[in-house]
Structure formats: C-alpha cells, structure tokens
C-alpha cells in the first residue's frame, strides 16, 4: 500500500472535486491540481494533522464512554485552513 501508481487516477480538483486516500494504513488523503495546460501536476496533501487533533480534543462525543469526550462534546466545527507547507503549515500574520 501507499504507492501512488496503485491509486486511482484523478482529474484536476478545481474541476471535479475528486480526492483519494493513498492507503488505509496512513489515511493520507490527496488531490491533484493541474497547471500550465497539463504540463505541471501538483499533488496536494495536508501539511499537518494538528487541526484534526485539536478538533478531537474540542468536540469529541462518545455517549457510551463520556471519559473520552472533548471539552465541548458534540460541538459543531467549521474547518478553515490557513498557512501552507512553506512555513510547515503554520499560520502567518498575513493569514490571520
């Protein structure tokens, strides 16, 4: 698992909104962007799972095991990504 050659072929994300998972072992989702009339392919992944980790601490809801609940069990969250891999996924003053 985890070989890109074994993964499904995707189209430009901005056209079809397709994504795939590299393998069930790493759970790494990816999409592709195509630029320069098809001469440049960008494989896009999340630079850090930190936001998912924080969301779990915040809103985890386990009705059968409340000891695993987050600080606001069942809260509704909005996903917003700022920053990119140029700064290791960190936000910037401009991004804020």
Protein backbone atom coordinates (compact mmCIF):
# COMPACT_ATOMS: atom_id res chain seq x y z
CA UNK A 1 0.00 0.00 0.00
CA UNK A 2 0.90 3.63 -0.29
CA UNK A 3 2.19 3.51 -3.87
CA UNK A 4 0.85 6.36 -5.99
CA UNK A 5 0.94 4.04 -9.04
CA UNK A 6 -1.69 1.84 -7.32
CA UNK A 7 -4.03 4.76 -6.61
CA UNK A 8 -6.94 5.87 -8.79
CA UNK A 9 -6.29 8.44 -11.49
CA UNK A 10 -7.76 11.82 -10.55
CA UNK A 11 -8.72 14.89 -12.52
CA UNK A 12 -7.99 18.50 -11.63
CA UNK A 13 -9.57 19.13 -8.22
CA UNK A 14 -10.94 22.52 -9.21
CA UNK A 15 -12.97 20.86 -11.99
CA UNK A 16 -14.24 17.62 -10.40
CA UNK A 17 -13.59 17.96 -6.65
CA UNK A 18 -12.09 14.46 -6.57
CA UNK A 19 -9.74 13.19 -3.91
CA UNK A 20 -8.41 9.78 -2.91
CA UNK A 21 -6.61 8.13 0.00
CA UNK A 22 -3.06 6.94 -0.53
CA UNK A 23 -3.56 3.85 1.66
CA UNK A 24 -5.72 2.74 4.58
CA UNK A 25 -2.58 2.46 6.71
CA UNK A 26 -1.58 6.12 6.56
CA UNK A 27 -5.03 7.64 5.85
CA UNK A 28 -3.32 10.33 3.76
CA UNK A 29 -5.90 11.99 1.52
CA UNK A 30 -4.65 13.75 -1.58
CA UNK A 31 -5.94 15.66 -4.59
CA UNK A 32 -4.29 16.95 -7.74
CA UNK A 33 -4.11 20.37 -9.33
CA UNK A 34 -3.13 20.72 -12.98
CA UNK A 35 -1.40 23.84 -14.27
CA UNK A 36 0.25 25.15 -17.44
CA UNK A 37 -2.10 23.33 -19.84
CA UNK A 38 -1.33 19.96 -18.27
CA UNK A 39 2.44 20.34 -18.12
CA UNK A 40 2.58 20.79 -14.34
CA UNK A 41 0.91 18.41 -11.88
CA UNK A 42 0.69 19.30 -8.19
CA UNK A 43 -0.16 16.51 -5.73
CA UNK A 44 -1.78 18.19 -2.72
CA UNK A 45 -1.91 16.78 0.82
CA UNK A 46 -2.48 18.32 4.20
CA UNK A 47 0.76 19.56 5.72
CA UNK A 48 -0.24 18.72 9.28
CA UNK A 49 -2.99 16.84 11.14
CA UNK A 50 -2.79 19.33 14.02
CA UNK A 51 -6.24 20.82 13.35
CA UNK A 52 -7.87 17.37 13.38
CA UNK A 53 -6.14 16.64 16.69
CA UNK A 54 -7.39 19.90 18.22
CA UNK A 55 -10.92 19.26 16.86
CA UNK A 56 -10.94 15.90 18.63
CA UNK A 57 -9.86 17.45 21.92
CA UNK A 58 -12.54 20.09 21.49
CA UNK A 59 -15.64 18.32 20.19
CA UNK A 60 -15.20 14.56 20.61
CA UNK A 61 -18.50 12.98 21.60
CA UNK A 62 -18.69 9.43 22.95
CA UNK A 63 -22.11 8.89 24.57
CA UNK A 64 -21.15 5.38 25.72
CA UNK A 65 -17.84 6.46 27.25
CA UNK A 66 -18.06 10.06 28.41
CA UNK A 67 -14.49 9.93 29.76
CA UNK A 68 -13.37 10.23 26.10
CA UNK A 69 -15.48 13.33 25.42
CA UNK A 70 -13.83 16.57 24.38
CA UNK A 71 -14.16 19.81 26.32
CA UNK A 72 -17.30 20.72 24.30
CA UNK A 73 -18.78 17.32 23.37
CA UNK A 74 -20.68 17.37 20.09
CA UNK A 75 -19.83 20.98 19.26
CA UNK A 76 -20.18 21.87 15.60
CA UNK A 77 -16.91 22.90 13.99
CA UNK A 78 -16.02 24.87 10.89
CA UNK A 79 -12.88 23.87 9.02
CA UNK A 80 -10.58 26.64 7.84
CA UNK A 81 -7.02 26.06 6.66
CA UNK A 82 -4.51 28.89 6.89
CA UNK A 83 -0.83 28.74 6.09
CA UNK A 84 0.86 26.19 3.86
CA UNK A 85 3.94 23.99 3.70
CA UNK A 86 6.29 26.91 3.08
CA UNK A 87 6.02 27.56 6.83
CA UNK A 88 5.49 23.94 7.91
CA UNK A 89 1.73 24.51 7.97
CA UNK A 90 1.95 27.41 10.39
CA UNK A 91 -0.20 30.48 10.14
CA UNK A 92 1.27 33.83 9.20
CA UNK A 93 0.47 37.35 10.28
CA UNK A 94 -0.94 37.98 6.79
CA UNK A 95 -3.07 34.79 7.03
CA UNK A 96 -4.60 35.92 10.30
